[in-house]
Protein backbone atom coordinates (compact mmCIF):
# COMPACT_ATOMS: atom_id res chain seq x y z
CA UNK A 1 -21.99 -11.17 27.13
CA UNK A 2 -19.26 -11.54 24.51
CA UNK A 3 -16.38 -13.97 24.93
CA UNK A 4 -13.88 -11.08 25.19
CA UNK A 5 -15.90 -9.38 27.94
CA UNK A 6 -16.26 -12.65 29.84
CA UNK A 7 -12.53 -13.37 29.57
CA UNK A 8 -11.69 -9.85 30.76
CA UNK A 9 -14.09 -10.21 33.69
CA UNK A 10 -12.47 -13.50 34.70
CA UNK A 11 -9.02 -11.97 34.43
CA UNK A 12 -10.08 -9.07 36.64
CA UNK A 13 -11.39 -11.55 39.20
CA UNK A 14 -8.12 -13.50 39.02
CA UNK A 15 -6.15 -10.28 39.52
CA UNK A 16 -8.14 -9.52 42.66
CA UNK A 17 -7.54 -13.04 43.98
CA UNK A 18 -3.81 -12.95 43.23
CA UNK A 19 -3.37 -9.56 44.90
CA UNK A 20 -3.16 -11.31 48.27
CA UNK A 21 -1.92 -8.32 50.22
CA UNK A 22 -4.47 -5.98 48.64
CA UNK A 23 -1.95 -3.32 47.61
CA UNK A 24 -3.33 -2.98 44.07
CA UNK A 25 -0.47 -4.75 42.32
CA UNK A 26 0.50 -8.36 41.81
CA UNK A 27 4.04 -9.13 42.90
CA UNK A 28 6.11 -12.28 43.13
CA UNK A 29 5.29 -12.42 46.86
CA UNK A 30 1.58 -12.73 46.00
CA UNK A 31 2.31 -15.83 43.93
CA UNK A 32 4.53 -17.22 46.69
CA UNK A 33 1.68 -16.72 49.14
CA UNK A 34 -0.68 -18.65 46.87
CA UNK A 35 1.86 -21.48 46.58
CA UNK A 36 2.03 -21.68 50.38
CA UNK A 37 -1.77 -21.58 50.58
CA UNK A 38 -2.14 -24.49 48.17
CA UNK A 39 0.45 -26.56 49.98
CA UNK A 40 -1.11 -25.75 53.36
CA UNK A 41 -4.62 -26.60 52.15
CA UNK A 42 -3.43 -30.04 51.11
CA UNK A 43 -1.26 -30.62 54.18
CA UNK A 44 1.95 -30.55 52.14
CA UNK A 45 5.18 -28.73 52.79
CA UNK A 46 7.92 -27.47 50.50
CA UNK A 47 9.55 -30.92 50.43
CA UNK A 48 6.34 -32.75 49.46
CA UNK A 49 6.21 -34.54 46.11
CA UNK A 50 5.10 -32.03 43.52
CA UNK A 51 5.88 -28.96 45.64
CA UNK A 52 8.96 -28.01 43.61
CA UNK A 53 6.98 -28.36 40.36
CA UNK A 54 4.18 -26.22 41.80
CA UNK A 55 6.64 -23.52 42.81
CA UNK A 56 8.41 -23.60 39.44
CA UNK A 57 5.13 -23.44 37.51
CA UNK A 58 3.65 -20.60 39.56
CA UNK A 59 6.80 -18.50 39.58
CA UNK A 60 7.30 -19.25 35.88
CA UNK A 61 3.79 -17.93 35.25
CA UNK A 62 4.55 -14.79 37.26
CA UNK A 63 7.87 -14.26 35.47
CA UNK A 64 6.23 -14.60 32.06
CA UNK A 65 3.49 -12.11 32.89
CA UNK A 66 6.00 -9.71 34.47
CA UNK A 67 8.21 -9.85 31.37
CA UNK A 68 5.22 -9.19 29.12
CA UNK A 69 4.14 -6.29 31.33
CA UNK A 70 7.67 -4.91 31.67
CA UNK A 71 7.38 -4.72 35.45
CA UNK A 72 7.49 -6.95 38.52
CA UNK A 73 4.67 -4.98 40.13
CA UNK A 74 1.70 -5.61 37.85
CA UNK A 75 -1.17 -3.17 38.18
CA UNK A 76 -4.55 -4.47 37.06
CA UNK A 77 -4.02 -2.80 33.68
CA UNK A 78 -0.51 -4.31 33.35
CA UNK A 79 -1.86 -7.73 34.26
CA UNK A 80 -4.78 -7.54 31.82
CA UNK A 81 -2.50 -6.41 29.00
CA UNK A 82 0.07 -9.14 29.72
CA UNK A 83 -2.57 -11.87 30.07
CA UNK A 84 -4.18 -10.77 26.81
CA UNK A 85 -0.82 -10.89 25.00
CA UNK A 86 0.48 -14.11 26.53
CA UNK A 87 -2.68 -16.17 26.98
CA UNK A 88 -5.97 -14.90 25.56
CA UNK A 89 -4.87 -13.75 22.11
CA UNK A 90 -2.89 -16.95 21.59
CA UNK A 91 -5.86 -19.24 22.22
CA UNK A 92 -5.07 -22.88 22.91
CA UNK A 93 -1.34 -22.35 22.44
CA UNK A 94 -1.30 -19.59 25.05
CA UNK A 95 -3.25 -21.73 27.48
CA UNK A 96 -0.99 -24.74 26.91
CA UNK A 97 2.25 -22.79 27.34
CA UNK A 98 1.30 -20.42 30.12
CA UNK A 99 -1.48 -21.90 32.27
CA UNK A 100 -1.43 -25.64 31.71
CA UNK A 101 1.86 -26.24 33.59
CA UNK A 102 0.44 -24.44 36.62
CA UNK A 103 -2.82 -26.37 36.52
CA UNK A 104 -0.97 -29.68 36.13
CA UNK A 105 1.25 -28.84 39.10
CA UNK A 106 -1.80 -28.03 41.22
CA UNK A 107 -3.48 -31.25 40.14
CA UNK A 108 -0.42 -33.25 41.25
CA UNK A 109 -0.74 -31.73 44.73
CA UNK A 110 -4.56 -31.90 44.81
CA UNK A 111 -4.78 -35.60 43.92
CA UNK A 112 -4.15 -36.57 47.53
CA UNK A 113 -5.33 -40.15 47.16
CA UNK A 114 -3.15 -40.70 44.08
CA UNK A 115 -5.90 -42.20 41.95
CA UNK A 116 -5.17 -39.96 38.96
CA UNK A 117 -8.46 -38.11 39.35
CA UNK A 118 -9.64 -35.08 41.29
CA UNK A 119 -12.56 -35.98 43.54
CA UNK A 120 -15.24 -33.42 44.43
CA UNK A 121 -13.61 -33.01 47.87
CA UNK A 122 -10.15 -32.48 46.33
CA UNK A 123 -11.63 -30.01 43.85
CA UNK A 124 -13.29 -28.02 46.66
CA UNK A 125 -9.97 -27.91 48.55
CA UNK A 126 -8.18 -26.74 45.40
CA UNK A 127 -10.73 -24.00 44.75
CA UNK A 128 -10.61 -22.87 48.37
CA UNK A 129 -6.81 -22.74 48.18
CA UNK A 130 -6.93 -20.34 45.22
CA UNK A 131 -9.78 -18.23 46.57
CA UNK A 132 -12.72 -19.63 44.62
CA UNK A 133 -15.96 -20.89 46.09
CA UNK A 134 -17.15 -24.38 45.32
């Protein structure tokens, strides 16, 4: 399997996971639902340390993809095209600008014991919160 095919397959899987309401498009409300799911999974609320950063990072990611797609209701094709333009084709720079802030915000919430590391239990909770199996 080529790298491009593998990346596209992962993006399709991510689209399906982000389409929380199953209506065939990703909308801001889908990202808001994932934010709530992450906070709930870690027993945090909107006032918890890191919650504002998580919300800003997730909604910033959505806004960037929506701008690239030219719509706030991203079909799978819109999402794949926007992700390719904003993340995949830009390599490390795309990852650092677009995804890294979101991952860092999740890590701040997931590190529940504050040791600066994600334990296997914390990692499983994070994956479950975003719809992945351990």
